[in-house]
Amino acid sequence: MSYNIALNFEDGVTRFINCNEGETVLDAAYRNKINLPMDCSDGVCGTCKGACQQGSYELGDEYIEEALTDDEAEQGMILTCQMVPSSDCVVTIPAASTLCKTGHLETTGTVSEVNLISPTAIELKITADEDIAFLPGQYVNITVPGTSETRAYSFSSRPGSRELSFLIRNVPGGLMSSWLVGQAKTGDKVTLAGPMGIFYLRPVGRPLLMLAGGTGLAPFLSMLEHLKASGSSQPVHLIYGVTNDEDLVAVEALEAYAADIESFTFKTVVADAQSGHPRTGYVTNHMEDAPINDGDVDVYLCGPPPMVDAVLGYFREEGIEPASFHYERFTPSVAAEEAA
């Protein structure tokens, strides 16, 4: 038996390794040609200290207090030279991936579909040539064909499948947008590097509030795919806000998730005051159904900077401190802005 261990490095790179039963994370990493920090490998120096974000494991007692205190162990801190997983795990490594002689993996894939699903959004589907492991909510860098430029896009598809999908903002004059709209065709080859990012779904132990803006919906689609497969019973509520009516996409997919996931509900909001949509304004104007529970909630937020700042301000003004708060701002690339 072996377990999948996600190593999250401080520069945002995630590498997945397989760890055999009874094997330490440090030994598994070295076997996978990743040199995690260490000076002794005997539980003495503390150089290999990290944190386990999810999963189960044993530490044993072959380390000293100076390397890892009891308080640190209770808080989920680990020594990779002593950590023996008993399930799939996510481990934070407080070092850059480059210092560990690794980095994000590159793979290739084939374009299977390019769909202009609204004037402002493009759905890109790619069949990867090999497995790409990622955590629901993470992203990859995709090289724009014919250039050396890359663009970062969150997966909207479920982890564990070679059939990848992405929800991409259509930026007029943008490098990737121009290629997708004007040149891309089925069968084109693309290069992907990753996964990356610390915005991903943690273990679900309390209600979830998901707040999406525009194509910031993409990582939530991946999270919902995961929740559908895992069968979580915790309440999950999504508020999806856009600027104009034409920006609303993937609503049918959300309706399907609501049918498949008993605990999932969602609402859509359009900022344009002239819209005929039943809910106008901003996501913060429509929090009445949010499972905030006086802070006993995990909040995930992905959208453009003004939206992220507004939501952060809302919680401050309401005096609510969620049990955990994970957010990601996205903006068009500088090159796209200059070309627009």
C-alpha atoms as a PDB file:
ATOM      1  CA  MET A   1       0.000   0.000   0.000  1.00  0.00           C
ATOM      2  CA  SER A   2       1.157   3.538  -0.682  1.00  0.00           C
ATOM      3  CA  TYR A   3      -0.203   7.012  -0.016  1.00  0.00           C
ATOM      4  CA  ASN A   4      -0.234  10.224  -2.055  1.00  0.00           C
ATOM      5  CA  ILE A   5       1.557  13.020  -0.240  1.00  0.00           C
ATOM      6  CA  ALA A   6       1.220  16.608  -1.487  1.00  0.00           C
ATOM      7  CA  LEU A   7       4.280  18.678  -0.584  1.00  0.00           C
ATOM      8  CA  ASN A   8       3.402  22.368  -0.584  1.00  0.00           C
ATOM      9  CA  PHE A   9       6.517  24.525  -0.806  1.00  0.00           C
ATOM     10  CA  GLU A  10       6.645  28.161   0.314  1.00  0.00           C
ATOM     11  CA  ASP A  11       7.043  29.438  -3.266  1.00  0.00           C
ATOM     12  CA  GLY A  12       3.598  28.062  -4.155  1.00  0.00           C
ATOM     13  CA  VAL A  13       4.793  24.912  -5.924  1.00  0.00           C
ATOM     14  CA  THR A  14       3.098  21.614  -5.066  1.00  0.00           C
ATOM     15  CA  ARG A  15       4.748  18.255  -5.744  1.00  0.00           C
ATOM     16  CA  PHE A  16       3.015  14.925  -5.207  1.00  0.00           C
ATOM     17  CA  ILE A  17       5.000  11.889  -4.108  1.00  0.00           C
ATOM     18  CA  ASN A  18       4.029   8.323  -3.273  1.00  0.00           C
ATOM     19  CA  CYS A  19       4.917   7.175   0.218  1.00  0.00           C
ATOM     20  CA  ASN A  20       5.021   3.466   0.969  1.00  0.00           C
ATOM     21  CA  GLU A  21       3.434   1.996   4.080  1.00  0.00           C
ATOM     22  CA  GLY A  22       5.839   2.393   6.993  1.00  0.00           C
ATOM     23  CA  GLU A  23       8.033   4.856   5.080  1.00  0.00           C
ATOM     24  CA  THR A  24       8.818   8.340   6.355  1.00  0.00           C
ATOM     25  CA  VAL A  25       7.953  11.372   4.249  1.00  0.00           C
ATOM     26  CA  LEU A  26      11.630  12.349   4.143  1.00  0.00           C
ATOM     27  CA  ASP A  27      12.676   8.955   2.773  1.00  0.00           C
ATOM     28  CA  ALA A  28       9.822   8.972   0.256  1.00  0.00           C
ATOM     29  CA  ALA A  29      10.815  12.438  -0.923  1.00  0.00           C
ATOM     30  CA  TYR A  30      14.426  11.393  -1.438  1.00  0.00           C
ATOM     31  CA  ARG A  31      13.257   8.297  -3.279  1.00  0.00           C
ATOM     32  CA  ASN A  32      11.278  10.660  -5.526  1.00  0.00           C
ATOM     33  CA  LYS A  33      14.431  12.785  -6.030  1.00  0.00           C
ATOM     34  CA  ILE A  34      13.224  15.698  -3.871  1.00  0.00           C
ATOM     35  CA  ASN A  35      15.791  16.851  -1.335  1.00  0.00           C
ATOM     36  CA  LEU A  36      13.786  18.101   1.608  1.00  0.00           C
ATOM     37  CA  PRO A  37      15.726  20.149   4.205  1.00  0.00           C
ATOM     38  CA  MET A  38      17.478  17.987   6.782  1.00  0.00           C
ATOM     39  CA  ASP A  39      20.713  17.804   8.751  1.00  0.00           C
ATOM     40  CA  CYS A  40      20.395  14.584  10.707  1.00  0.00           C
ATOM     41  CA  SER A  41      17.327  12.464   9.725  1.00  0.00           C
ATOM     42  CA  ASP A  42      17.225  11.230  13.324  1.00  0.00           C
ATOM     43  CA  GLY A  43      14.747  13.624  14.946  1.00  0.00           C
ATOM     44  CA  VAL A  44      17.471  15.694  16.573  1.00  0.00           C
ATOM     45  CA  CYS A  45      18.133  18.841  14.513  1.00  0.00           C
ATOM     46  CA  GLY A  46      14.580  20.020  13.673  1.00  0.00           C
ATOM     47  CA  THR A  47      15.704  21.141  10.208  1.00  0.00           C
ATOM     48  CA  CYS A  48      13.037  19.036   8.497  1.00  0.00           C
ATOM     49  CA  LYS A  49      10.163  20.549  10.476  1.00  0.00           C
ATOM     50  CA  GLY A  50       6.954  21.232   8.558  1.00  0.00           C
ATOM     51  CA  ALA A  51       3.210  21.004   9.104  1.00  0.00           C
ATOM     52  CA  CYS A  52       0.594  18.436   8.129  1.00  0.00           C
ATOM     53  CA  GLN A  53      -2.492  20.260   6.850  1.00  0.00           C
ATOM     54  CA  GLN A  54      -4.598  17.154   6.353  1.00  0.00           C
ATOM     55  CA  GLY A  55      -4.330  13.423   6.661  1.00  0.00           C
ATOM     56  CA  SER A  56      -3.344  10.956   9.383  1.00  0.00           C
ATOM     57  CA  TYR A  57       0.133   9.882  10.389  1.00  0.00           C
ATOM     58  CA  GLU A  58       2.356   8.639  13.197  1.00  0.00           C
ATOM     59  CA  LEU A  59       5.374  10.460  14.591  1.00  0.00           C
ATOM     60  CA  GLY A  60       6.577   7.864  17.029  1.00  0.00           C
ATOM     61  CA  ASP A  61       8.838   8.916  19.893  1.00  0.00           C
ATOM     62  CA  GLU A  62      12.286   8.874  18.315  1.00  0.00           C
ATOM     63  CA  TYR A  63      12.818  12.627  18.347  1.00  0.00           C
ATOM     64  CA  ILE A  64      13.856  15.087  20.995  1.00  0.00           C
ATOM     65  CA  GLU A  65      11.906  17.996  22.515  1.00  0.00           C
ATOM     66  CA  GLU A  66      14.327  20.544  21.070  1.00  0.00           C
ATOM     67  CA  ALA A  67      13.470  19.349  17.556  1.00  0.00           C
ATOM     68  CA  LEU A  68       9.681  19.252  18.014  1.00  0.00           C
ATOM     69  CA  THR A  69       7.859  20.264  21.182  1.00  0.00           C
ATOM     70  CA  ASP A  70       4.680  18.633  22.404  1.00  0.00           C
ATOM     71  CA  ASP A  71       2.778  21.875  21.751  1.00  0.00           C
ATOM     72  CA  GLU A  72       4.043  21.967  18.156  1.00  0.00           C
ATOM     73  CA  ALA A  73       3.067  18.328  17.613  1.00  0.00           C
ATOM     74  CA  GLU A  74      -0.443  19.018  18.936  1.00  0.00           C
ATOM     75  CA  GLN A  75      -0.752  21.897  16.448  1.00  0.00           C
ATOM     76  CA  GLY A  76       0.069  19.602  13.512  1.00  0.00           C
ATOM     77  CA  MET A  77       3.758  20.367  13.200  1.00  0.00           C
ATOM     78  CA  ILE A  78       5.812  17.406  12.058  1.00  0.00           C
ATOM     79  CA  LEU A  79       9.346  16.284  11.331  1.00  0.00           C
ATOM     80  CA  THR A  80       9.450  14.739   7.861  1.00  0.00           C
ATOM     81  CA  CYS A  81      12.174  12.357   9.056  1.00  0.00           C
ATOM     82  CA  GLN A  82       9.743  10.956  11.651  1.00  0.00           C
ATOM     83  CA  MET A  83       6.349  11.334   9.938  1.00  0.00           C
ATOM     84  CA  VAL A  84       4.926   8.008   8.728  1.00  0.00           C
ATOM     85  CA  PRO A  85       1.611   8.572   6.889  1.00  0.00           C
ATOM     86  CA  SER A  86      -1.357   6.271   7.315  1.00  0.00           C
ATOM     87  CA  SER A  87      -3.468   8.089   4.683  1.00  0.00           C
ATOM     88  CA  ASP A  88      -3.061  10.589   1.880  1.00  0.00           C
ATOM     89  CA  CYS A  89      -1.642  13.804   3.358  1.00  0.00           C
ATOM     90  CA  VAL A  90      -0.921  17.444   2.575  1.00  0.00           C
ATOM     91  CA  VAL A  91       2.361  18.643   4.086  1.00  0.00           C
ATOM     92  CA  THR A  92       3.645  22.218   4.142  1.00  0.00           C
ATOM     93  CA  ILE A  93       7.396  22.547   3.634  1.00  0.00           C
ATOM     94  CA  PRO A  94       8.838  25.912   4.821  1.00  0.00           C
ATOM     95  CA  ALA A  95      11.368  26.129   2.001  1.00  0.00           C
ATOM     96  CA  ALA A  96      11.353  27.070  -1.673  1.00  0.00           C
ATOM     97  CA  SER A  97      11.017  24.187  -4.105  1.00  0.00           C
ATOM     98  CA  THR A  98      14.203  25.262  -5.894  1.00  0.00           C
ATOM     99  CA  LEU A  99      16.206  24.811  -2.682  1.00  0.00           C
ATOM    100  CA  CYS A 100      14.952  21.240  -2.572  1.00  0.00           C
ATOM    101  CA  LYS A 101      16.198  20.615  -6.114  1.00  0.00           C
ATOM    102  CA  THR A 102      12.714  20.310  -7.486  1.00  0.00           C
ATOM    103  CA  GLY A 103      10.094  22.539  -9.032  1.00  0.00           C
ATOM    104  CA  HIS A 104       6.757  22.352 -10.745  1.00  0.00           C
ATOM    105  CA  LEU A 105       6.360  19.516 -13.191  1.00  0.00           C
ATOM    106  CA  GLU A 106       5.816  20.148 -16.871  1.00  0.00           C
ATOM    107  CA  THR A 107       3.542  18.030 -18.980  1.00  0.00           C
ATOM    108  CA  THR A 108       1.847  18.333 -22.329  1.00  0.00           C
ATOM    109  CA  GLY A 109      -1.738  17.960 -23.385  1.00  0.00           C
ATOM    110  CA  THR A 110      -4.027  18.157 -26.382  1.00  0.00           C
ATOM    111  CA  VAL A 111      -6.782  20.717 -26.833  1.00  0.00           C
ATOM    112  CA  SER A 112     -10.085  18.850 -27.001  1.00  0.00           C
ATOM    113  CA  GLU A 113     -12.508  21.810 -26.925  1.00  0.00           C
ATOM    114  CA  VAL A 114     -12.502  25.610 -26.939  1.00  0.00           C
ATOM    115  CA  ASN A 115     -15.913  27.120 -26.232  1.00  0.00           C
ATOM    116  CA  LEU A 116     -16.763  30.819 -26.106  1.00  0.00           C
ATOM    117  CA  ILE A 117     -19.480  30.344 -23.492  1.00  0.00           C
ATOM    118  CA  SER A 118     -20.140  34.080 -23.117  1.00  0.00           C
ATOM    119  CA  PRO A 119     -18.630  37.275 -24.529  1.00  0.00           C
ATOM    120  CA  THR A 120     -16.392  37.422 -21.459  1.00  0.00           C
ATOM    121  CA  ALA A 121     -15.593  33.761 -20.724  1.00  0.00           C
ATOM    122  CA  ILE A 122     -13.908  30.891 -22.548  1.00  0.00           C
ATOM    123  CA  GLU A 123     -14.033  27.231 -21.579  1.00  0.00           C
ATOM    124  CA  LEU A 124     -10.835  25.378 -22.452  1.00  0.00           C
ATOM    125  CA  LYS A 125     -10.706  21.595 -22.289  1.00  0.00           C
ATOM    126  CA  ILE A 126      -7.421  19.706 -22.489  1.00  0.00           C
ATOM    127  CA  THR A 127      -6.622  16.003 -22.425  1.00  0.00           C
ATOM    128  CA  ALA A 128      -3.343  15.615 -20.550  1.00  0.00           C
ATOM    129  CA  ASP A 129      -0.731  13.211 -21.890  1.00  0.00           C
ATOM    130  CA  GLU A 130      -0.037  11.958 -18.364  1.00  0.00           C
ATOM    131  CA  ASP A 131      -1.607  12.187 -14.929  1.00  0.00           C
ATOM    132  CA  ILE A 132      -1.546  15.606 -13.267  1.00  0.00           C
ATOM    133  CA  ALA A 133      -2.189  15.429  -9.541  1.00  0.00           C
ATOM    134  CA  PHE A 134      -3.551  18.575  -7.916  1.00  0.00           C
ATOM    135  CA  LEU A 135      -5.625  19.732  -4.974  1.00  0.00           C
ATOM    136  CA  PRO A 136      -9.123  21.066  -5.765  1.00  0.00           C
ATOM    137  CA  GLY A 137      -8.730  24.826  -6.153  1.00  0.00           C
ATOM    138  CA  GLN A 138      -5.120  24.872  -7.412  1.00  0.00           C
ATOM    139  CA  TYR A 139      -3.880  26.206 -10.750  1.00  0.00           C
ATOM    140  CA  VAL A 140      -1.319  25.554 -13.477  1.00  0.00           C
ATOM    141  CA  ASN A 141       0.692  27.763 -15.787  1.00  0.00           C
ATOM    142  CA  ILE A 142      -0.168  27.177 -19.444  1.00  0.00           C
ATOM    143  CA  THR A 143       2.273  28.306 -22.119  1.00  0.00           C
ATOM    144  CA  VAL A 144       0.615  30.328 -24.878  1.00  0.00           C
ATOM    145  CA  PRO A 145       1.424  28.336 -28.053  1.00  0.00           C
ATOM    146  CA  GLY A 146       3.954  30.038 -30.299  1.00  0.00           C
ATOM    147  CA  THR A 147       5.353  32.133 -27.442  1.00  0.00           C
ATOM    148  CA  SER A 148       7.423  31.730 -24.285  1.00  0.00           C
ATOM    149  CA  GLU A 149       4.708  33.453 -22.220  1.00  0.00           C
ATOM    150  CA  THR A 150       2.636  31.595 -19.648  1.00  0.00           C
ATOM    151  CA  ARG A 151      -0.727  32.335 -18.070  1.00  0.00           C
ATOM    152  CA  ALA A 152      -2.068  30.941 -14.783  1.00  0.00           C
ATOM    153  CA  TYR A 153      -5.493  29.269 -14.744  1.00  0.00           C
ATOM    154  CA  SER A 154      -7.333  27.368 -12.031  1.00  0.00           C
ATOM    155  CA  PHE A 155      -8.587  23.877 -12.768  1.00  0.00           C
ATOM    156  CA  SER A 156     -12.364  23.687 -13.000  1.00  0.00           C
ATOM    157  CA  SER A 157     -12.252  19.899 -13.399  1.00  0.00           C
ATOM    158  CA  ARG A 158     -12.003  17.207 -10.764  1.00  0.00           C
ATOM    159  CA  PRO A 159      -8.657  15.974  -9.475  1.00  0.00           C
ATOM    160  CA  GLY A 160      -7.616  12.537 -10.676  1.00  0.00           C
ATOM    161  CA  SER A 161      -8.690  12.849 -14.294  1.00  0.00           C
ATOM    162  CA  ARG A 162      -6.659  13.537 -17.427  1.00  0.00           C
ATOM    163  CA  GLU A 163      -9.671  15.399 -18.809  1.00  0.00           C
ATOM    164  CA  LEU A 164      -8.850  18.924 -17.641  1.00  0.00           C
ATOM    165  CA  SER A 165     -11.004  22.009 -17.946  1.00  0.00           C
ATOM    166  CA  PHE A 166     -10.450  25.714 -17.321  1.00  0.00           C
ATOM    167  CA  LEU A 167     -12.740  28.737 -17.166  1.00  0.00           C
ATOM    168  CA  ILE A 168     -10.824  31.649 -18.686  1.00  0.00           C
ATOM    169  CA  ARG A 169     -11.670  35.318 -18.805  1.00  0.00           C
ATOM    170  CA  ASN A 170     -11.830  36.594 -22.397  1.00  0.00           C
ATOM    171  CA  VAL A 171      -9.565  39.666 -22.285  1.00  0.00           C
ATOM    172  CA  PRO A 172      -9.783  41.717 -25.523  1.00  0.00           C
ATOM    173  CA  GLY A 173      -6.290  41.796 -26.989  1.00  0.00           C
ATOM    174  CA  GLY A 174      -4.983  39.423 -24.350  1.00  0.00           C
ATOM    175  CA  LEU A 175      -2.291  37.023 -25.515  1.00  0.00           C
ATOM    176  CA  MET A 176      -3.995  33.792 -24.445  1.00  0.00           C
ATOM    177  CA  SER A 177      -7.498  35.086 -25.227  1.00  0.00           C
ATOM    178  CA  SER A 178      -6.444  36.052 -28.752  1.00  0.00           C
ATOM    179  CA  TRP A 179      -4.964  32.611 -29.347  1.00  0.00           C
ATOM    180  CA  LEU A 180      -8.003  30.807 -27.954  1.00  0.00           C
ATOM    181  CA  VAL A 181     -10.541  32.862 -29.895  1.00  0.00           C
ATOM    182  CA  GLY A 182      -8.619  33.267 -33.141  1.00  0.00           C
ATOM    183  CA  GLN A 183      -6.290  30.305 -33.591  1.00  0.00           C
ATOM    184  CA  ALA A 184      -6.828  27.392 -31.212  1.00  0.00           C
ATOM    185  CA  LYS A 185      -8.281  24.212 -32.621  1.00  0.00           C
ATOM    186  CA  THR A 186      -8.883  20.650 -31.523  1.00  0.00           C
ATOM    187  CA  GLY A 187      -5.637  18.680 -31.570  1.00  0.00           C
ATOM    188  CA  ASP A 188      -3.320  21.581 -30.734  1.00  0.00           C
ATOM    189  CA  LYS A 189      -0.592  20.722 -28.227  1.00  0.00           C
ATOM    190  CA  VAL A 190      -0.094  22.808 -25.087  1.00  0.00           C
ATOM    191  CA  THR A 191       2.391  22.725 -22.208  1.00  0.00           C
ATOM    192  CA  LEU A 192       1.283  22.918 -18.594  1.00  0.00           C
ATOM    193  CA  ALA A 193       3.447  23.465 -15.503  1.00  0.00           C
ATOM    194  CA  GLY A 194       2.229  22.898 -11.974  1.00  0.00           C
ATOM    195  CA  PRO A 195       0.205  22.469  -9.901  1.00  0.00           C
ATOM    196  CA  MET A 196       0.645  25.588  -7.815  1.00  0.00           C
ATOM    197  CA  GLY A 197      -1.144  27.663  -5.209  1.00  0.00           C
ATOM    198  CA  ILE A 198      -2.224  27.581  -1.579  1.00  0.00           C
ATOM    199  CA  PHE A 199      -5.892  28.186  -2.444  1.00  0.00           C
ATOM    200  CA  TYR A 200      -7.322  24.681  -2.197  1.00  0.00           C
ATOM    201  CA  LEU A 201     -10.059  22.861  -0.345  1.00  0.00           C
ATOM    202  CA  ARG A 202      -9.081  21.801   3.172  1.00  0.00           C
ATOM    203  CA  PRO A 203     -10.728  18.912   5.070  1.00  0.00           C
ATOM    204  CA  VAL A 204     -14.410  19.702   5.516  1.00  0.00           C
ATOM    205  CA  GLY A 205     -15.354  19.660   9.179  1.00  0.00           C
ATOM    206  CA  ARG A 206     -17.782  22.596   9.372  1.00  0.00           C
ATOM    207  CA  PRO A 207     -20.072  24.576   7.024  1.00  0.00           C
ATOM    208  CA  LEU A 208     -18.498  26.111   3.921  1.00  0.00           C
ATOM    209  CA  LEU A 209     -19.156  29.518   2.397  1.00  0.00           C
ATOM    210  CA  MET A 210     -17.846  29.946  -1.137  1.00  0.00           C
ATOM    211  CA  LEU A 211     -17.712  33.419  -2.716  1.00  0.00           C
ATOM    212  CA  ALA A 212     -16.864  33.610  -6.421  1.00  0.00           C
ATOM    213  CA  GLY A 213     -16.447  36.579  -8.743  1.00  0.00           C
ATOM    214  CA  GLY A 214     -16.504  36.196 -12.534  1.00  0.00           C
ATOM    215  CA  THR A 215     -14.220  33.427 -13.781  1.00  0.00           C
ATOM    216  CA  GLY A 216     -13.081  33.066 -10.170  1.00  0.00           C
ATOM    217  CA  LEU A 217     -15.832  30.452 -10.210  1.00  0.00           C
ATOM    218  CA  ALA A 218     -13.377  27.960 -11.775  1.00  0.00           C
ATOM    219  CA  PRO A 219     -11.679  26.620  -8.623  1.00  0.00           C
ATOM    220  CA  PHE A 220     -15.062  26.207  -6.931  1.00  0.00           C
ATOM    221  CA  LEU A 221     -16.243  23.960  -9.758  1.00  0.00           C
ATOM    222  CA  SER A 222     -13.242  21.732  -9.016  1.00  0.00           C
ATOM    223  CA  MET A 223     -14.018  21.817  -5.291  1.00  0.00           C
ATOM    224  CA  LEU A 224     -17.643  20.891  -5.951  1.00  0.00           C
ATOM    225  CA  GLU A 225     -16.540  17.970  -8.109  1.00  0.00           C
ATOM    226  CA  HIS A 226     -14.458  16.778  -5.172  1.00  0.00           C
ATOM    227  CA  LEU A 227     -17.312  17.274  -2.694  1.00  0.00           C
ATOM    228  CA  LYS A 228     -19.674  15.350  -4.947  1.00  0.00           C
ATOM    229  CA  ALA A 229     -17.248  12.433  -5.061  1.00  0.00           C
ATOM    230  CA  SER A 230     -16.432  12.504  -1.332  1.00  0.00           C
ATOM    231  CA  GLY A 231     -20.027  12.773  -0.147  1.00  0.00           C
ATOM    232  CA  SER A 232     -19.546  15.479   2.475  1.00  0.00           C
ATOM    233  CA  SER A 233     -22.674  16.253   4.517  1.00  0.00           C
ATOM    234  CA  GLN A 234     -21.635  19.712   5.746  1.00  0.00           C
ATOM    235  CA  PRO A 235     -23.720  22.657   4.443  1.00  0.00           C
ATOM    236  CA  VAL A 236     -22.069  24.351   1.457  1.00  0.00           C
ATOM    237  CA  HIS A 237     -23.337  27.681   0.170  1.00  0.00           C
ATOM    238  CA  LEU A 238     -21.949  29.484  -2.898  1.00  0.00           C
ATOM    239  CA  ILE A 239     -22.603  33.102  -3.853  1.00  0.00           C
ATOM    240  CA  TYR A 240     -21.491  33.776  -7.420  1.00  0.00           C
ATOM    241  CA  GLY A 241     -21.261  37.419  -8.446  1.00  0.00           C
ATOM    242  CA  VAL A 242     -20.661  38.951 -11.882  1.00  0.00           C
ATOM    243  CA  THR A 243     -20.713  42.424 -13.385  1.00  0.00           C
ATOM    244  CA  ASN A 244     -23.284  42.006 -16.173  1.00  0.00           C
ATOM    245  CA  ASP A 245     -25.944  39.457 -17.119  1.00  0.00           C
ATOM    246  CA  GLU A 246     -23.817  38.132 -19.970  1.00  0.00           C
ATOM    247  CA  ASP A 247     -21.029  37.257 -17.505  1.00  0.00           C
ATOM    248  CA  LEU A 248     -23.113  34.551 -15.798  1.00  0.00           C
ATOM    249  CA  VAL A 249     -21.772  31.173 -16.936  1.00  0.00           C
ATOM    250  CA  ALA A 250     -21.877  27.560 -15.752  1.00  0.00           C
ATOM    251  CA  VAL A 251     -25.236  28.088 -14.026  1.00  0.00           C
ATOM    252  CA  GLU A 252     -26.494  24.757 -15.381  1.00  0.00           C
ATOM    253  CA  ALA A 253     -23.448  23.074 -13.857  1.00  0.00           C
ATOM    254  CA  LEU A 254     -24.226  24.663 -10.488  1.00  0.00           C
ATOM    255  CA  GLU A 255     -27.826  23.486 -10.742  1.00  0.00           C
ATOM    256  CA  ALA A 256     -26.552  19.962 -11.403  1.00  0.00           C
ATOM    257  CA  TYR A 257     -24.317  20.124  -8.313  1.00  0.00           C
ATOM    258  CA  ALA A 258     -27.288  21.312  -6.263  1.00  0.00           C
ATOM    259  CA  ALA A 259     -29.175  18.220  -7.436  1.00  0.00           C
ATOM    260  CA  ASP A 260     -26.259  15.850  -6.766  1.00  0.00           C
ATOM    261  CA  ILE A 261     -24.993  17.313  -3.470  1.00  0.00           C
ATOM    262  CA  GLU A 262     -27.818  17.382  -0.956  1.00  0.00           C
ATOM    263  CA  SER A 263     -26.116  19.951   1.290  1.00  0.00           C
ATOM    264  CA  PHE A 264     -25.192  22.392  -1.520  1.00  0.00           C
ATOM    265  CA  THR A 265     -27.078  25.610  -2.283  1.00  0.00           C
ATOM    266  CA  PHE A 266     -26.125  28.607  -4.381  1.00  0.00           C
ATOM    267  CA  LYS A 267     -27.288  31.982  -5.602  1.00  0.00           C
ATOM    268  CA  THR A 268     -26.153  34.282  -8.401  1.00  0.00           C
ATOM    269  CA  VAL A 269     -25.781  38.057  -8.187  1.00  0.00           C
ATOM    270  CA  VAL A 270     -25.351  40.681 -10.928  1.00  0.00           C
ATOM    271  CA  ALA A 271     -23.727  43.998 -10.008  1.00  0.00           C
ATOM    272  CA  ASP A 272     -25.376  46.011 -12.811  1.00  0.00           C
ATOM    273  CA  ALA A 273     -28.251  47.956 -11.259  1.00  0.00           C
ATOM    274  CA  GLN A 274     -30.056  47.930 -14.631  1.00  0.00           C
ATOM    275  CA  SER A 275     -30.058  44.135 -14.760  1.00  0.00           C
ATOM    276  CA  GLY A 276     -33.333  42.246 -14.694  1.00  0.00           C
ATOM    277  CA  HIS A 277     -31.706  39.567 -12.558  1.00  0.00           C
ATOM    278  CA  PRO A 278     -33.607  38.876  -9.304  1.00  0.00           C
ATOM    279  CA  ARG A 279     -30.528  39.781  -7.236  1.00  0.00           C
ATOM    280  CA  THR A 280     -28.437  42.847  -8.045  1.00  0.00           C
ATOM    281  CA  GLY A 281     -25.546  44.480  -6.254  1.00  0.00           C
ATOM    282  CA  TYR A 282     -22.570  42.723  -4.732  1.00  0.00           C
ATOM    283  CA  VAL A 283     -22.119  39.379  -3.004  1.00  0.00           C
ATOM    284  CA  THR A 284     -21.919  41.166   0.348  1.00  0.00           C
ATOM    285  CA  ASN A 285     -25.481  42.432  -0.219  1.00  0.00           C
ATOM    286  CA  HIS A 286     -26.785  38.869  -0.304  1.00  0.00           C
ATOM    287  CA  MET A 287     -25.248  37.099   2.685  1.00  0.00           C
ATOM    288  CA  GLU A 288     -28.548  36.378   4.444  1.00  0.00           C
ATOM    289  CA  ASP A 289     -28.383  32.647   3.613  1.00  0.00           C
ATOM    290  CA  ALA A 290     -24.668  32.308   4.317  1.00  0.00           C
ATOM    291  CA  PRO A 291     -23.896  29.674   6.997  1.00  0.00           C
ATOM    292  CA  ILE A 292     -21.731  32.063   9.011  1.00  0.00           C
ATOM    293  CA  ASN A 293     -22.751  30.592  12.395  1.00  0.00           C
ATOM    294  CA  ASP A 294     -21.023  33.296  14.447  1.00  0.00           C
ATOM    295  CA  GLY A 295     -17.741  32.380  12.799  1.00  0.00           C
ATOM    296  CA  ASP A 296     -18.053  28.583  12.817  1.00  0.00           C
ATOM    297  CA  VAL A 297     -17.551  28.472   9.052  1.00  0.00           C
ATOM    298  CA  ASP A 298     -14.744  27.998   6.544  1.00  0.00           C
ATOM    299  CA  VAL A 299     -14.761  30.761   3.941  1.00  0.00           C
ATOM    300  CA  TYR A 300     -13.274  30.440   0.454  1.00  0.00           C
ATOM    301  CA  LEU A 301     -13.122  33.541  -1.731  1.00  0.00           C
ATOM    302  CA  CYS A 302     -11.845  33.944  -5.285  1.00  0.00           C
ATOM    303  CA  GLY A 303     -12.414  36.975  -7.479  1.00  0.00           C
ATOM    304  CA  PRO A 304     -10.981  40.282  -8.698  1.00  0.00           C
ATOM    305  CA  PRO A 305      -9.182  42.458  -6.102  1.00  0.00           C
ATOM    306  CA  PRO A 306     -12.088  44.909  -5.488  1.00  0.00           C
ATOM    307  CA  MET A 307     -14.394  42.021  -4.643  1.00  0.00           C
ATOM    308  CA  VAL A 308     -11.847  40.372  -2.352  1.00  0.00           C
ATOM    309  CA  ASP A 309     -11.234  43.655  -0.536  1.00  0.00           C
ATOM    310  CA  ALA A 310     -14.990  44.279  -0.175  1.00  0.00           C
ATOM    311  CA  VAL A 311     -15.583  40.844   1.350  1.00  0.00           C
ATOM    312  CA  LEU A 312     -12.661  41.204   3.754  1.00  0.00           C
ATOM    313  CA  GLY A 313     -14.079  44.596   4.756  1.00  0.00           C
ATOM    314  CA  TYR A 314     -17.537  43.101   5.260  1.00  0.00           C
ATOM    315  CA  PHE A 315     -16.292  40.550   7.770  1.00  0.00           C
ATOM    316  CA  ARG A 316     -14.270  43.188   9.617  1.00  0.00           C
ATOM    317  CA  GLU A 317     -17.256  45.517   9.854  1.00  0.00           C
ATOM    318  CA  GLU A 318     -19.533  42.717  11.022  1.00  0.00           C
ATOM    319  CA  GLY A 319     -16.990  41.681  13.637  1.00  0.00           C
ATOM    320  CA  ILE A 320     -17.010  38.101  12.365  1.00  0.00           C
ATOM    321  CA  GLU A 321     -13.845  36.025  12.354  1.00  0.00           C
ATOM    322  CA  PRO A 322     -14.370  32.783  10.419  1.00  0.00           C
ATOM    323  CA  ALA A 323     -12.710  29.614  11.681  1.00  0.00           C
ATOM    324  CA  SER A 324     -10.627  29.737   8.511  1.00  0.00           C
ATOM    325  CA  PHE A 325     -10.480  32.181   5.613  1.00  0.00           C
ATOM    326  CA  HIS A 326      -8.817  31.314   2.310  1.00  0.00           C
ATOM    327  CA  TYR A 327      -8.810  33.742  -0.579  1.00  0.00           C
ATOM    328  CA  GLU A 328      -7.196  34.333  -3.935  1.00  0.00           C
ATOM    329  CA  ARG A 329      -7.162  37.521  -5.980  1.00  0.00           C
ATOM    330  CA  PHE A 330      -6.914  37.278  -9.736  1.00  0.00           C
ATOM    331  CA  THR A 331      -6.164  39.966 -12.291  1.00  0.00           C
ATOM    332  CA  PRO A 332      -5.523  39.971 -16.038  1.00  0.00           C
ATOM    333  CA  SER A 333      -1.845  39.658 -16.915  1.00  0.00           C
ATOM    334  CA  VAL A 334       0.158  42.850 -17.400  1.00  0.00           C
ATOM    335  CA  ALA A 335       0.662  41.954 -21.030  1.00  0.00           C
ATOM    336  CA  ALA A 336      -3.069  41.579 -21.523  1.00  0.00           C
ATOM    337  CA  GLU A 337      -3.808  44.885 -19.824  1.00  0.00           C
ATOM    338  CA  GLU A 338      -1.291  46.692 -22.012  1.00  0.00           C
ATOM    339  CA  ALA A 339      -2.733  45.129 -25.141  1.00  0.00           C
ATOM    340  CA  ALA A 340      -6.353  45.783 -24.212  1.00  0.00           C
END
